[in-house]
Amino acid sequence: MAGERTKLVVAARDKLGSAESRRLRREGIVPGVLYGSGAQPVAISIRERELRRALTGAGGLHSILDVEIDGTGESHASILKEYQVDPVRGGVTHVDLQEVRLDRPITASVAVQLVGGEDAPGVREGGVLSQPLREIAVEALPLEVPERIELDVSGMTTGDTLRVADVEAPSGVTLVDDPETVIATLTAPTRVVEPEEVLEGEEAEAVEGEEAAAAAPEGGAEAALEADVAGDQGTAEG
């Protein structure tokens, strides 16, 4: 939801290094960095439950975070710049926040959601709807960045393709990606061809003999036999 703002209280970190970061994570605290507009980055730490609450609201990952450091009462309008996730446990292990000016546009990646797929004629005929591109880059004021952009695919037939140029951007939002980039395709279902049964041994030889006999012209077998007999006789006489 564009315009969603969430307060996030963080603490400044004095101790740095991987050992300190591991200690914080064991205590349910996520280390991070707040990057300011021209100012020096500030090392921060955030309670994991507070971070989860801030990033699972109506605005999702595109919420404007009013970051307050050490309860000073001064807030810094910021966005989530980058985050890292534990590949095993799945929890967030580090975050980078970027302070922004609310009156200046920013570039952000927004999820593309396909709608109406079950009504598409090509899908009803058994076609396969695919989505090669799941996020699209947009430029907008921080408070105007949408949580997602919907793309109507209900009119797609087999063989159709929808590109970035087919997306209708919300008011105040500019699409940054190449207009020819493919977002959705609808292809015919893949036909599975069963492999032919492989015959072995005497059965294969018998089948080959039957096929050869069927393919021979009328009288061909008798002529071949007579030639063999004549050849044998000639050898005997020699």
C-alpha atoms as a PDB file:
ATOM      1  CA  MET A   1       0.000   0.000   0.000  1.00  0.00           C
ATOM      2  CA  ALA A   2       1.542   3.266  -1.141  1.00  0.00           C
ATOM      3  CA  GLY A   3       2.041   5.774   1.648  1.00  0.00           C
ATOM      4  CA  GLU A   4       2.381   3.204   4.454  1.00  0.00           C
ATOM      5  CA  ARG A   5       4.676   4.439   7.232  1.00  0.00           C
ATOM      6  CA  THR A   6       5.957   2.436  10.168  1.00  0.00           C
ATOM      7  CA  LYS A   7       7.894   3.549  13.213  1.00  0.00           C
ATOM      8  CA  LEU A   8      11.033   1.508  13.900  1.00  0.00           C
ATOM      9  CA  VAL A   9      13.125   2.030  17.016  1.00  0.00           C
ATOM     10  CA  VAL A  10      16.759   0.910  16.677  1.00  0.00           C
ATOM     11  CA  ALA A  11      19.897   1.105  18.798  1.00  0.00           C
ATOM     12  CA  ALA A  12      23.295   2.405  17.758  1.00  0.00           C
ATOM     13  CA  ARG A  13      26.085  -0.192  17.845  1.00  0.00           C
ATOM     14  CA  ASP A  14      29.451   0.644  19.348  1.00  0.00           C
ATOM     15  CA  LYS A  15      30.988  -2.798  18.998  1.00  0.00           C
ATOM     16  CA  LEU A  16      31.474  -4.135  15.482  1.00  0.00           C
ATOM     17  CA  GLY A  17      32.809  -7.340  13.952  1.00  0.00           C
ATOM     18  CA  SER A  18      31.520 -10.811  13.165  1.00  0.00           C
ATOM     19  CA  ALA A  19      31.828 -12.068  16.754  1.00  0.00           C
ATOM     20  CA  GLU A  20      29.633  -9.226  18.036  1.00  0.00           C
ATOM     21  CA  SER A  21      27.118  -9.822  15.227  1.00  0.00           C
ATOM     22  CA  ARG A  22      26.856 -13.505  16.165  1.00  0.00           C
ATOM     23  CA  ARG A  23      26.277 -12.549  19.816  1.00  0.00           C
ATOM     24  CA  LEU A  24      23.460 -10.199  18.829  1.00  0.00           C
ATOM     25  CA  ARG A  25      21.770 -12.840  16.678  1.00  0.00           C
ATOM     26  CA  ARG A  26      21.834 -15.334  19.556  1.00  0.00           C
ATOM     27  CA  GLU A  27      19.901 -12.752  21.603  1.00  0.00           C
ATOM     28  CA  GLY A  28      17.276 -12.239  18.882  1.00  0.00           C
ATOM     29  CA  ILE A  29      18.775  -8.974  17.638  1.00  0.00           C
ATOM     30  CA  VAL A  30      19.526  -8.214  13.974  1.00  0.00           C
ATOM     31  CA  PRO A  31      22.613  -6.112  13.182  1.00  0.00           C
ATOM     32  CA  GLY A  32      22.357  -3.542  10.409  1.00  0.00           C
ATOM     33  CA  VAL A  33      23.495  -0.254   8.931  1.00  0.00           C
ATOM     34  CA  LEU A  34      21.581   2.982   8.347  1.00  0.00           C
ATOM     35  CA  TYR A  35      22.893   4.892   5.337  1.00  0.00           C
ATOM     36  CA  GLY A  36      22.124   8.613   5.380  1.00  0.00           C
ATOM     37  CA  SER A  37      21.940  11.235   2.664  1.00  0.00           C
ATOM     38  CA  GLY A  38      25.597  12.254   2.475  1.00  0.00           C
ATOM     39  CA  ALA A  39      26.230  11.432   6.137  1.00  0.00           C
ATOM     40  CA  GLN A  40      28.391   8.660   7.541  1.00  0.00           C
ATOM     41  CA  PRO A  41      26.651   5.262   7.853  1.00  0.00           C
ATOM     42  CA  VAL A  42      25.466   4.388  11.351  1.00  0.00           C
ATOM     43  CA  ALA A  43      25.806   0.843  12.694  1.00  0.00           C
ATOM     44  CA  ILE A  44      22.504  -0.178  14.281  1.00  0.00           C
ATOM     45  CA  SER A  45      20.770  -3.170  15.836  1.00  0.00           C
ATOM     46  CA  ILE A  46      17.061  -4.052  15.807  1.00  0.00           C
ATOM     47  CA  ARG A  47      14.979  -6.511  17.774  1.00  0.00           C
ATOM     48  CA  GLU A  48      14.017  -9.255  15.327  1.00  0.00           C
ATOM     49  CA  ARG A  49      10.337  -9.177  16.307  1.00  0.00           C
ATOM     50  CA  GLU A  50      10.225  -5.389  15.781  1.00  0.00           C
ATOM     51  CA  LEU A  51      11.818  -5.712  12.365  1.00  0.00           C
ATOM     52  CA  ARG A  52       9.364  -8.457  11.389  1.00  0.00           C
ATOM     53  CA  ARG A  53       6.429  -6.321  12.547  1.00  0.00           C
ATOM     54  CA  ALA A  54       7.656  -3.348  10.502  1.00  0.00           C
ATOM     55  CA  LEU A  55       8.144  -5.330   7.294  1.00  0.00           C
ATOM     56  CA  THR A  56       4.962  -7.423   7.375  1.00  0.00           C
ATOM     57  CA  GLY A  57       2.474  -4.556   7.493  1.00  0.00           C
ATOM     58  CA  ALA A  58       0.288  -3.281   4.665  1.00  0.00           C
ATOM     59  CA  GLY A  59       3.270  -1.722   2.893  1.00  0.00           C
ATOM     60  CA  GLY A  60       5.378  -4.878   3.080  1.00  0.00           C
ATOM     61  CA  LEU A  61       9.008  -4.452   2.131  1.00  0.00           C
ATOM     62  CA  HIS A  62       8.211  -1.046   0.608  1.00  0.00           C
ATOM     63  CA  SER A  63       7.052   0.595   3.825  1.00  0.00           C
ATOM     64  CA  ILE A  64       8.563   3.944   4.740  1.00  0.00           C
ATOM     65  CA  LEU A  65      10.371   3.298   8.018  1.00  0.00           C
ATOM     66  CA  ASP A  66      10.514   6.215  10.452  1.00  0.00           C
ATOM     67  CA  VAL A  67      13.747   5.099  12.096  1.00  0.00           C
ATOM     68  CA  GLU A  68      14.387   6.429  15.595  1.00  0.00           C
ATOM     69  CA  ILE A  69      17.853   5.820  17.037  1.00  0.00           C
ATOM     70  CA  ASP A  70      18.130   5.216  20.809  1.00  0.00           C
ATOM     71  CA  GLY A  71      14.776   6.800  21.529  1.00  0.00           C
ATOM     72  CA  THR A  72      15.970  10.335  20.777  1.00  0.00           C
ATOM     73  CA  GLY A  73      12.618  11.293  19.265  1.00  0.00           C
ATOM     74  CA  GLU A  74      14.244  12.265  15.951  1.00  0.00           C
ATOM     75  CA  SER A  75      13.107  10.067  13.081  1.00  0.00           C
ATOM     76  CA  HIS A  76      14.791   9.339   9.775  1.00  0.00           C
ATOM     77  CA  ALA A  77      12.505   8.436   6.858  1.00  0.00           C
ATOM     78  CA  SER A  78      14.136   5.328   5.411  1.00  0.00           C
ATOM     79  CA  ILE A  79      13.505   2.324   3.184  1.00  0.00           C
ATOM     80  CA  LEU A  80      14.776  -1.240   3.283  1.00  0.00           C
ATOM     81  CA  LYS A  81      17.771  -1.252   0.960  1.00  0.00           C
ATOM     82  CA  GLU A  82      18.971  -4.830   1.333  1.00  0.00           C
ATOM     83  CA  TYR A  83      18.702  -7.770   3.699  1.00  0.00           C
ATOM     84  CA  GLN A  84      20.373 -11.124   4.223  1.00  0.00           C
ATOM     85  CA  VAL A  85      18.665 -14.371   5.266  1.00  0.00           C
ATOM     86  CA  ASP A  86      20.094 -17.411   7.026  1.00  0.00           C
ATOM     87  CA  PRO A  87      20.054 -20.186   4.386  1.00  0.00           C
ATOM     88  CA  VAL A  88      19.257 -22.848   7.011  1.00  0.00           C
ATOM     89  CA  ARG A  89      17.047 -21.226   9.649  1.00  0.00           C
ATOM     90  CA  GLY A  90      15.492 -18.648   7.333  1.00  0.00           C
ATOM     91  CA  GLY A  91      15.734 -15.712   9.737  1.00  0.00           C
ATOM     92  CA  VAL A  92      17.032 -12.258   8.751  1.00  0.00           C
ATOM     93  CA  THR A  93      20.712 -11.947   9.679  1.00  0.00           C
ATOM     94  CA  HIS A  94      21.502  -8.390   8.518  1.00  0.00           C
ATOM     95  CA  VAL A  95      19.692  -5.346   7.129  1.00  0.00           C
ATOM     96  CA  ASP A  96      20.734  -2.197   5.305  1.00  0.00           C
ATOM     97  CA  LEU A  97      18.417   0.804   5.610  1.00  0.00           C
ATOM     98  CA  GLN A  98      18.639   3.873   3.360  1.00  0.00           C
ATOM     99  CA  GLU A  99      17.491   7.299   4.495  1.00  0.00           C
ATOM    100  CA  VAL A 100      15.472   9.020   1.751  1.00  0.00           C
ATOM    101  CA  ARG A 101      13.965  12.364   0.876  1.00  0.00           C
ATOM    102  CA  LEU A 102      10.211  12.022   0.600  1.00  0.00           C
ATOM    103  CA  ASP A 103      10.079  14.696  -2.122  1.00  0.00           C
ATOM    104  CA  ARG A 104      12.555  12.910  -4.421  1.00  0.00           C
ATOM    105  CA  PRO A 105      11.805   9.792  -6.516  1.00  0.00           C
ATOM    106  CA  ILE A 106      13.584   6.516  -5.830  1.00  0.00           C
ATOM    107  CA  THR A 107      14.010   3.308  -7.828  1.00  0.00           C
ATOM    108  CA  ALA A 108      12.554   0.140  -6.336  1.00  0.00           C
ATOM    109  CA  SER A 109      11.739  -3.437  -7.349  1.00  0.00           C
ATOM    110  CA  VAL A 110       8.043  -4.281  -7.166  1.00  0.00           C
ATOM    111  CA  ALA A 111       6.390  -7.697  -7.437  1.00  0.00           C
ATOM    112  CA  VAL A 112       4.241  -8.381 -10.519  1.00  0.00           C
ATOM    113  CA  GLN A 113       1.069 -10.366  -9.810  1.00  0.00           C
ATOM    114  CA  LEU A 114      -0.794 -12.059 -12.663  1.00  0.00           C
ATOM    115  CA  VAL A 115      -4.585 -11.886 -12.317  1.00  0.00           C
ATOM    116  CA  GLY A 116      -7.342 -13.612 -14.284  1.00  0.00           C
ATOM    117  CA  GLY A 117      -5.244 -16.598 -15.320  1.00  0.00           C
ATOM    118  CA  GLU A 118      -8.043 -19.091 -14.692  1.00  0.00           C
ATOM    119  CA  ASP A 119     -10.258 -17.173 -17.158  1.00  0.00           C
ATOM    120  CA  ALA A 120      -7.709 -17.006 -19.985  1.00  0.00           C
ATOM    121  CA  PRO A 121      -8.989 -18.879 -23.096  1.00  0.00           C
ATOM    122  CA  GLY A 122      -5.587 -20.504 -23.591  1.00  0.00           C
ATOM    123  CA  VAL A 123      -5.561 -21.856 -20.029  1.00  0.00           C
ATOM    124  CA  ARG A 124      -9.088 -23.215 -20.438  1.00  0.00           C
ATOM    125  CA  GLU A 125      -7.869 -25.104 -23.514  1.00  0.00           C
ATOM    126  CA  GLY A 126      -5.072 -26.707 -21.504  1.00  0.00           C
ATOM    127  CA  GLY A 127      -2.288 -24.208 -22.206  1.00  0.00           C
ATOM    128  CA  VAL A 128       0.485 -23.449 -19.711  1.00  0.00           C
ATOM    129  CA  LEU A 129       0.766 -19.936 -18.233  1.00  0.00           C
ATOM    130  CA  SER A 130       4.334 -19.003 -17.247  1.00  0.00           C
ATOM    131  CA  GLN A 131       5.821 -15.901 -15.620  1.00  0.00           C
ATOM    132  CA  PRO A 132       9.534 -15.417 -16.464  1.00  0.00           C
ATOM    133  CA  LEU A 133       9.667 -11.983 -14.775  1.00  0.00           C
ATOM    134  CA  ARG A 134       8.316 -11.715 -11.225  1.00  0.00           C
ATOM    135  CA  GLU A 135       9.619  -8.271 -10.248  1.00  0.00           C
ATOM    136  CA  ILE A 136       9.702  -5.017 -12.169  1.00  0.00           C
ATOM    137  CA  ALA A 137      11.781  -1.886 -11.534  1.00  0.00           C
ATOM    138  CA  VAL A 138       9.842   1.326 -10.986  1.00  0.00           C
ATOM    139  CA  GLU A 139      10.630   4.934 -10.199  1.00  0.00           C
ATOM    140  CA  ALA A 140       8.349   6.893  -7.883  1.00  0.00           C
ATOM    141  CA  LEU A 141       8.280   9.058  -4.788  1.00  0.00           C
ATOM    142  CA  PRO A 142       8.953   6.932  -1.678  1.00  0.00           C
ATOM    143  CA  LEU A 143       5.350   7.223  -0.519  1.00  0.00           C
ATOM    144  CA  GLU A 144       4.016   6.274  -3.972  1.00  0.00           C
ATOM    145  CA  VAL A 145       5.905   2.999  -4.491  1.00  0.00           C
ATOM    146  CA  PRO A 146       3.205   0.283  -4.726  1.00  0.00           C
ATOM    147  CA  GLU A 147       3.469  -2.992  -2.854  1.00  0.00           C
ATOM    148  CA  ARG A 148       2.779  -4.859  -6.120  1.00  0.00           C
ATOM    149  CA  ILE A 149       1.594  -4.274  -9.681  1.00  0.00           C
ATOM    150  CA  GLU A 150      -1.167  -6.411 -11.185  1.00  0.00           C
ATOM    151  CA  LEU A 151      -1.146  -7.607 -14.800  1.00  0.00           C
ATOM    152  CA  ASP A 152      -4.433  -8.850 -16.292  1.00  0.00           C
ATOM    153  CA  VAL A 153      -3.869 -12.047 -18.290  1.00  0.00           C
ATOM    154  CA  SER A 154      -7.535 -13.062 -18.653  1.00  0.00           C
ATOM    155  CA  GLY A 155      -7.507 -12.380 -22.421  1.00  0.00           C
ATOM    156  CA  MET A 156      -4.434 -14.479 -23.273  1.00  0.00           C
ATOM    157  CA  THR A 157      -4.739 -17.268 -25.828  1.00  0.00           C
ATOM    158  CA  THR A 158      -2.234 -19.989 -26.683  1.00  0.00           C
ATOM    159  CA  GLY A 159       0.927 -18.417 -28.116  1.00  0.00           C
ATOM    160  CA  ASP A 160       0.355 -14.979 -26.545  1.00  0.00           C
ATOM    161  CA  THR A 161       3.095 -13.043 -24.760  1.00  0.00           C
ATOM    162  CA  LEU A 162       2.794 -10.033 -22.455  1.00  0.00           C
ATOM    163  CA  ARG A 163       5.709  -7.646 -21.938  1.00  0.00           C
ATOM    164  CA  VAL A 164       6.597  -4.715 -19.698  1.00  0.00           C
ATOM    165  CA  ALA A 165       5.005  -2.452 -22.330  1.00  0.00           C
ATOM    166  CA  ASP A 166       1.646  -4.136 -21.571  1.00  0.00           C
ATOM    167  CA  VAL A 167       1.741  -3.138 -17.886  1.00  0.00           C
ATOM    168  CA  GLU A 168      -0.445  -0.232 -16.858  1.00  0.00           C
ATOM    169  CA  ALA A 169       1.588   1.650 -14.231  1.00  0.00           C
ATOM    170  CA  PRO A 170      -0.271   3.358 -11.373  1.00  0.00           C
ATOM    171  CA  SER A 171      -0.433   7.140 -11.329  1.00  0.00           C
ATOM    172  CA  GLY A 172       2.904   8.661 -10.323  1.00  0.00           C
ATOM    173  CA  VAL A 173       4.840   5.470 -11.088  1.00  0.00           C
ATOM    174  CA  THR A 174       7.267   5.107 -14.022  1.00  0.00           C
ATOM    175  CA  LEU A 175       8.386   1.706 -15.314  1.00  0.00           C
ATOM    176  CA  VAL A 176      12.164   1.495 -15.645  1.00  0.00           C
ATOM    177  CA  ASP A 177      12.697  -1.939 -17.234  1.00  0.00           C
ATOM    178  CA  ASP A 178      13.026  -2.527 -20.996  1.00  0.00           C
ATOM    179  CA  PRO A 179       9.494  -2.416 -22.491  1.00  0.00           C
ATOM    180  CA  GLU A 180      10.239  -5.566 -24.517  1.00  0.00           C
ATOM    181  CA  THR A 181      11.086  -7.673 -21.455  1.00  0.00           C
ATOM    182  CA  VAL A 182       8.712 -10.664 -21.315  1.00  0.00           C
ATOM    183  CA  ILE A 183       6.577 -10.991 -18.197  1.00  0.00           C
ATOM    184  CA  ALA A 184       4.082 -13.732 -19.095  1.00  0.00           C
ATOM    185  CA  THR A 185       3.687 -16.375 -21.796  1.00  0.00           C
ATOM    186  CA  LEU A 186       0.950 -18.878 -22.608  1.00  0.00           C
ATOM    187  CA  THR A 187       2.160 -21.952 -24.443  1.00  0.00           C
ATOM    188  CA  ALA A 188       0.531 -25.144 -25.687  1.00  0.00           C
ATOM    189  CA  PRO A 189       0.722 -28.128 -23.321  1.00  0.00           C
ATOM    190  CA  THR A 190       3.724 -30.393 -23.762  1.00  0.00           C
ATOM    191  CA  ARG A 191       2.827 -33.649 -25.512  1.00  0.00           C
ATOM    192  CA  VAL A 192       4.401 -36.725 -23.954  1.00  0.00           C
ATOM    193  CA  VAL A 193       5.435 -39.358 -26.514  1.00  0.00           C
ATOM    194  CA  GLU A 194       5.706 -42.875 -25.117  1.00  0.00           C
ATOM    195  CA  PRO A 195       8.937 -44.610 -26.182  1.00  0.00           C
ATOM    196  CA  GLU A 196       8.566 -47.658 -28.444  1.00  0.00           C
ATOM    197  CA  GLU A 197       9.025 -51.042 -26.811  1.00  0.00           C
ATOM    198  CA  VAL A 198      12.479 -52.488 -27.499  1.00  0.00           C
ATOM    199  CA  LEU A 199      12.455 -56.165 -28.475  1.00  0.00           C
ATOM    200  CA  GLU A 200      15.403 -58.393 -27.773  1.00  0.00           C
ATOM    201  CA  GLY A 201      16.753 -61.784 -28.795  1.00  0.00           C
ATOM    202  CA  GLU A 202      14.754 -64.244 -30.859  1.00  0.00           C
ATOM    203  CA  GLU A 203      11.590 -62.130 -30.634  1.00  0.00           C
ATOM    204  CA  ALA A 204      13.361 -59.231 -32.353  1.00  0.00           C
ATOM    205  CA  GLU A 205      14.729 -61.513 -35.064  1.00  0.00           C
ATOM    206  CA  ALA A 206      11.276 -62.970 -35.692  1.00  0.00           C
ATOM    207  CA  VAL A 207       9.735 -59.524 -36.013  1.00  0.00           C
ATOM    208  CA  GLU A 208      12.504 -58.392 -38.367  1.00  0.00           C
ATOM    209  CA  GLY A 209      11.936 -61.484 -40.524  1.00  0.00           C
ATOM    210  CA  GLU A 210       8.207 -60.822 -40.722  1.00  0.00           C
ATOM    211  CA  GLU A 211       8.808 -57.180 -41.658  1.00  0.00           C
ATOM    212  CA  ALA A 212      11.311 -58.186 -44.375  1.00  0.00           C
ATOM    213  CA  ALA A 213       8.905 -60.707 -45.844  1.00  0.00           C
ATOM    214  CA  ALA A 214       6.071 -58.208 -45.865  1.00  0.00           C
ATOM    215  CA  ALA A 215       8.267 -55.614 -47.562  1.00  0.00           C
ATOM    216  CA  ALA A 216       9.537 -57.987 -50.300  1.00  0.00           C
ATOM    217  CA  PRO A 217       7.814 -57.791 -53.723  1.00  0.00           C
ATOM    218  CA  GLU A 218       5.551 -60.636 -54.896  1.00  0.00           C
ATOM    219  CA  GLY A 219       7.635 -63.665 -55.756  1.00  0.00           C
ATOM    220  CA  GLY A 220      10.697 -62.141 -54.167  1.00  0.00           C
ATOM    221  CA  ALA A 221      11.156 -64.886 -51.577  1.00  0.00           C
ATOM    222  CA  GLU A 222      10.871 -67.675 -54.152  1.00  0.00           C
ATOM    223  CA  ALA A 223      13.302 -65.933 -56.493  1.00  0.00           C
ATOM    224  CA  ALA A 224      15.825 -65.518 -53.707  1.00  0.00           C
ATOM    225  CA  LEU A 225      15.512 -69.207 -52.804  1.00  0.00           C
ATOM    226  CA  GLU A 226      15.965 -70.309 -56.445  1.00  0.00           C
ATOM    227  CA  ALA A 227      19.064 -68.120 -56.737  1.00  0.00           C
ATOM    228  CA  ASP A 228      20.551 -69.733 -53.645  1.00  0.00           C
ATOM    229  CA  VAL A 229      19.904 -73.240 -55.005  1.00  0.00           C
ATOM    230  CA  ALA A 230      21.358 -72.353 -58.378  1.00  0.00           C
ATOM    231  CA  GLY A 231      24.405 -70.924 -56.711  1.00  0.00           C
ATOM    232  CA  ASP A 232      24.929 -74.071 -54.702  1.00  0.00           C
ATOM    233  CA  GLN A 233      24.619 -76.246 -57.798  1.00  0.00           C
ATOM    234  CA  GLY A 234      27.098 -74.152 -59.683  1.00  0.00           C
ATOM    235  CA  THR A 235      29.589 -74.482 -56.860  1.00  0.00           C
ATOM    236  CA  ALA A 236      29.164 -78.251 -56.819  1.00  0.00           C
ATOM    237  CA  GLU A 237      29.713 -78.529 -60.554  1.00  0.00           C
ATOM    238  CA  GLY A 238      32.823 -76.436 -60.289  1.00  0.00           C
END
